[in-house]
Protein backbone atom coordinates (compact mmCIF):
# COMPACT_ATOMS: atom_id res chain seq x y z
CA MET A 1 58.24 -32.14 72.70
CA ASN A 2 57.74 -33.50 69.19
CA PHE A 3 56.22 -31.47 66.36
CA VAL A 4 52.72 -33.01 66.54
CA ALA A 5 52.47 -32.56 70.31
CA ARG A 6 53.70 -28.98 70.06
CA LEU A 7 51.24 -28.25 67.22
CA CYS A 8 48.35 -29.64 69.31
CA ARG A 9 49.48 -27.48 72.25
CA ILE A 10 49.53 -24.41 70.00
CA ILE A 11 46.04 -25.11 68.61
CA VAL A 12 44.58 -25.56 72.10
CA LEU A 13 46.27 -22.40 73.39
CA LEU A 14 45.12 -20.37 70.37
CA ALA A 15 41.54 -21.55 70.95
CA VAL A 16 41.73 -20.69 74.65
CA PHE A 17 43.29 -17.32 73.82
CA ALA A 18 40.61 -16.55 71.23
CA ILE A 19 37.71 -17.07 73.65
CA GLY A 20 39.49 -15.43 76.59
CA LEU A 21 39.56 -18.32 79.06
CA PRO A 22 42.44 -18.59 81.51
CA VAL A 23 45.13 -21.04 80.41
CA ALA A 24 45.38 -24.15 82.58
CA GLY A 25 48.15 -23.72 85.09
CA SER A 26 48.11 -19.94 84.67
CA GLY A 27 47.67 -19.43 88.38
CA ILE A 28 44.66 -17.12 88.54
CA ALA A 29 45.53 -14.50 91.09
CA GLN A 30 41.98 -13.61 92.09
CA ALA A 31 42.23 -15.16 95.54
CA GLN A 32 45.69 -13.83 96.39
CA SER A 33 46.11 -11.52 99.33
CA ALA A 34 48.11 -8.27 99.19
CA GLN A 35 51.08 -9.97 100.85
CA GLN A 36 51.41 -12.74 98.28
CA ALA A 37 53.55 -12.58 95.19
CA PRO A 38 51.65 -12.87 91.92
CA ALA A 39 51.27 -16.37 90.53
CA MET A 40 54.00 -17.35 88.05
CA THR A 41 52.57 -18.20 84.63
CA GLU A 42 55.10 -20.57 83.09
CA LEU A 43 55.01 -20.79 79.29
CA TRP A 44 58.22 -22.83 79.07
CA SER A 45 58.24 -26.61 79.52
CA PRO A 46 61.23 -28.70 80.64
CA GLY A 47 63.27 -29.94 77.70
CA GLU A 48 62.49 -26.98 75.43
CA SER A 49 65.43 -25.07 73.99
CA GLY A 50 66.26 -21.43 74.52
CA GLN A 51 67.49 -19.02 77.18
CA ARG A 52 64.97 -18.87 80.02
CA MET A 53 63.52 -15.51 81.01
CA ARG A 54 61.20 -14.21 83.70
CA ILE A 55 59.25 -11.01 83.10
CA ARG A 56 57.48 -9.11 85.85
CA GLY A 57 55.55 -5.88 85.69
CA ARG A 58 52.91 -3.76 87.26
CA VAL A 59 49.57 -2.79 85.72
CA THR A 60 48.25 0.59 86.83
CA SER A 61 45.69 3.16 85.82
CA ILE A 62 47.05 6.38 84.32
CA ASP A 63 46.95 7.95 87.83
CA GLY A 64 49.22 5.21 89.23
CA THR A 65 46.52 3.18 90.98
CA PRO A 66 47.43 -0.55 90.87
CA LEU A 67 44.86 -2.67 89.03
CA PRO A 68 44.14 -6.13 90.51
CA GLU A 69 42.76 -9.15 88.64
CA VAL A 70 43.87 -7.91 85.22
CA ALA A 71 44.53 -10.59 82.59
CA VAL A 72 47.80 -9.91 80.75
CA ARG A 73 48.00 -12.12 77.65
CA VAL A 74 51.37 -12.68 76.01
CA ARG A 75 52.50 -14.37 72.79
CA HIS A 76 55.90 -14.75 71.17
CA ALA A 77 57.97 -16.89 68.82
CA ASP A 78 60.19 -19.72 70.01
CA ALA A 79 63.94 -19.44 70.66
CA GLU A 80 64.69 -19.87 66.94
CA GLY A 81 62.28 -17.07 65.98
CA MET A 82 59.74 -19.40 64.43
CA ASN A 83 56.25 -17.92 64.56
CA TRP A 84 54.53 -21.26 63.94
CA SER A 85 55.80 -22.35 67.34
CA TYR A 86 54.23 -19.72 69.57
CA TYR A 87 54.52 -19.45 73.28
CA LEU A 88 51.15 -18.22 74.46
CA GLY A 89 49.68 -17.64 77.89
CA GLU A 90 47.90 -15.42 80.36
CA ALA A 91 49.08 -14.00 83.67
CA PHE A 92 46.88 -12.25 86.22
CA THR A 93 47.77 -9.32 88.42
CA ASN A 94 47.61 -9.63 92.20
CA THR A 95 46.07 -7.03 94.50
CA LYS A 96 49.11 -4.79 94.01
CA GLY A 97 48.73 -4.91 90.21
CA ILE A 98 51.81 -7.13 89.72
CA TYR A 99 51.95 -9.94 87.14
CA GLN A 100 54.76 -12.28 86.10
CA PHE A 101 55.47 -14.97 83.55
CA GLY A 102 58.34 -17.25 82.60
CA SER A 103 59.30 -18.33 79.10
CA VAL A 104 62.28 -18.27 76.73
CA ILE A 105 63.75 -15.28 74.96
CA PRO A 106 62.22 -15.30 71.49
CA GLY A 107 64.56 -15.55 68.52
CA ASN A 108 64.76 -12.92 65.80
CA SER A 109 64.73 -14.79 62.51
CA HIS A 110 63.44 -11.86 60.43
CA ARG A 111 63.14 -8.87 62.78
CA LEU A 112 63.98 -7.99 66.34
CA SER A 113 63.00 -10.24 69.24
CA HIS A 114 59.69 -9.20 70.75
CA VAL A 115 56.78 -10.30 72.91
CA HIS A 116 53.19 -9.34 72.04
CA VAL A 117 51.08 -8.12 74.97
CA TYR A 118 47.27 -7.86 75.06
CA VAL A 119 45.26 -6.35 77.93
CA ASP A 120 41.47 -6.04 77.96
CA HIS A 121 40.08 -4.88 81.33
CA ASN A 122 36.60 -3.55 82.12
CA GLY A 123 36.48 0.23 82.27
CA TYR A 124 39.79 0.69 80.41
CA GLU A 125 40.83 1.03 76.78
CA TYR A 126 42.00 -2.19 75.12
CA LEU A 127 45.80 -2.32 74.87
CA GLU A 128 47.75 -4.24 72.23
CA THR A 129 51.49 -3.64 72.28
CA GLU A 130 54.82 -5.45 72.29
CA PHE A 131 58.12 -5.14 74.04
CA TYR A 132 61.68 -5.66 72.83
CA PHE A 133 65.04 -6.44 74.44
CA LYS A 134 67.91 -3.94 74.72
CA GLN A 135 70.38 -6.77 74.14
CA ASP A 136 68.98 -7.30 70.63
CA PRO A 137 71.23 -5.37 68.19
CA LYS A 138 68.16 -4.50 66.08
CA ALA A 139 66.35 -2.84 69.03
CA SER A 140 66.31 0.90 69.54
CA PRO A 141 67.59 1.73 73.03
CA ASP A 142 65.40 4.88 72.98
CA ASP A 143 62.14 2.98 72.40
CA PRO A 144 60.11 3.04 75.66
CA ASN A 145 58.99 -0.54 74.97
CA THR A 146 62.57 -1.81 75.02
CA ILE A 147 63.42 -3.56 78.28
CA PHE A 148 66.74 -4.56 79.81
CA LEU A 149 67.31 -8.19 80.78
CA GLU A 150 69.56 -8.93 83.73
CA GLU A 151 71.09 -12.33 84.44
CA GLY A 152 70.27 -14.09 87.69
CA THR A 153 70.17 -17.57 89.16
CA VAL A 154 67.15 -19.43 90.55
CA ASN A 155 67.65 -22.87 92.13
CA GLY A 156 71.01 -23.17 90.33
CA GLU A 157 69.56 -22.28 86.91
CA THR A 158 70.69 -19.15 85.06
CA MET A 159 67.83 -17.01 83.77
CA MET A 160 67.31 -13.53 82.41
CA PHE A 161 65.01 -11.18 84.32
CA GLY A 162 63.16 -8.14 83.00
CA ARG A 163 60.40 -5.70 83.85
CA PHE A 164 57.57 -4.43 81.65
CA ASP A 165 55.05 -2.09 83.31
CA ILE A 166 51.67 -1.41 81.74
CA VAL A 167 49.54 1.74 82.12
CA LEU A 168 45.87 1.51 81.17
CA ILE A 169 43.74 4.49 80.17
CA PRO A 170 40.20 4.69 81.59
CA GLN A 171 37.39 4.70 79.03
């Protein structure tokens, strides 16, 4: 993807993110049954550089109750750590509170690699946080927001898999 096309994509995604609409292709999970896996929100496009990753997690209330139809917005730098080239998207939880998204591992040009996470759900406190990767030498292994990535293969392609659970506090 050339610079102008990528810049246009970023501007559109930022506008969508700002007004809270679901991103096209985000796979809204509202109609999913309890037996179905959550829709995969894919932020990566074929031909883009970087190590692919898939992140999955569960969104629950503080008492452990799974929360369905929660929008989990994510944003991170590209594989080189450039913040002008954001990956941005929105995944929705299924009836079991599970969400998932695919992207590339963000680079760490000036600080440790991280992914920003934003969750705004009716009846719960707004959450803005980020998670880091244990493989990053700058990350603290004791930080509860540091996740481990494990290598796996999907359809012959090597990817890194991780889990980031989210607990929301009722208002």
